[in-house]
């Protein structure tokens, strides 16, 4: 395992520490868990080219029209 220092804002440290206590994990284990979950879950905008969160516009016709 690699050791490194991590600088995080005090409020984020408090939140992660509280979550670790609630989950009965060490701070290190909680951070690893959160990273693993975040990296295993595809981003919500994974299907949108360029990561643009805007919804796709219809190619032709009115917004609620069925394709002809």
Protein backbone atom coordinates (compact mmCIF):
# COMPACT_ATOMS: atom_id res chain seq x y z
CA UNK A 1 0.00 0.00 0.00
CA UNK A 2 1.23 3.51 -0.80
CA UNK A 3 1.44 6.17 1.90
CA UNK A 4 0.83 9.83 1.05
CA UNK A 5 -0.37 13.02 2.68
CA UNK A 6 -3.75 14.46 1.81
CA UNK A 7 -4.81 18.03 2.48
CA UNK A 8 -8.56 18.54 2.81
CA UNK A 9 -10.66 21.39 4.18
CA UNK A 10 -11.53 21.12 7.89
CA UNK A 11 -15.28 20.87 7.24
CA UNK A 12 -14.80 17.97 4.81
CA UNK A 13 -12.52 16.24 7.33
CA UNK A 14 -15.25 16.59 9.97
CA UNK A 15 -17.88 15.14 7.61
CA UNK A 16 -15.74 12.15 6.61
CA UNK A 17 -14.72 11.54 10.24
CA UNK A 18 -18.38 11.57 11.32
CA UNK A 19 -19.33 9.21 8.50
CA UNK A 20 -16.47 6.87 9.42
CA UNK A 21 -17.67 6.77 13.02
CA UNK A 22 -21.25 6.08 11.89
CA UNK A 23 -20.03 3.25 9.64
CA UNK A 24 -17.67 1.96 12.37
CA UNK A 25 -14.63 2.35 10.11
CA UNK A 26 -11.29 4.07 10.54
CA UNK A 27 -10.87 7.34 8.70
CA UNK A 28 -8.50 5.63 6.26
CA UNK A 29 -10.96 2.78 5.61
CA UNK A 30 -13.81 5.24 5.10
CA UNK A 31 -11.85 7.25 2.53
CA UNK A 32 -10.88 4.05 0.69
CA UNK A 33 -14.52 2.90 0.72
CA UNK A 34 -15.75 6.25 -0.62
CA UNK A 35 -13.14 6.23 -3.39
CA UNK A 36 -13.97 2.65 -4.39
CA UNK A 37 -17.71 3.39 -4.53
CA UNK A 38 -17.16 6.62 -6.48
CA UNK A 39 -14.88 4.95 -9.02
CA UNK A 40 -17.13 1.90 -9.44
CA UNK A 41 -20.21 4.01 -10.20
CA UNK A 42 -20.34 5.43 -13.73
CA UNK A 43 -20.94 9.19 -13.80
CA UNK A 44 -24.53 10.28 -14.42
CA UNK A 45 -23.48 12.03 -17.64
CA UNK A 46 -21.44 9.12 -19.01
CA UNK A 47 -23.72 8.77 -22.05
CA UNK A 48 -23.48 12.42 -23.04
CA UNK A 49 -20.56 13.34 -25.31
CA UNK A 50 -18.23 15.79 -23.61
CA UNK A 51 -20.00 15.29 -20.30
CA UNK A 52 -22.56 17.98 -21.13
CA UNK A 53 -25.42 17.63 -18.62
CA UNK A 54 -27.98 19.14 -21.01
CA UNK A 55 -30.68 16.78 -22.24
CA UNK A 56 -30.57 15.83 -25.89
CA UNK A 57 -32.83 17.74 -28.25
CA UNK A 58 -34.97 15.83 -30.74
CA UNK A 59 -33.37 15.49 -34.16
CA UNK A 60 -36.55 16.49 -35.98
CA UNK A 61 -40.18 17.20 -35.27
CA UNK A 62 -41.77 18.65 -32.18
CA UNK A 63 -40.39 17.75 -28.72
CA UNK A 64 -43.10 15.14 -28.00
CA UNK A 65 -43.76 13.96 -31.55
CA UNK A 66 -43.24 10.35 -32.53
CA UNK A 67 -40.75 9.58 -35.31
CA UNK A 68 -42.31 9.46 -38.76
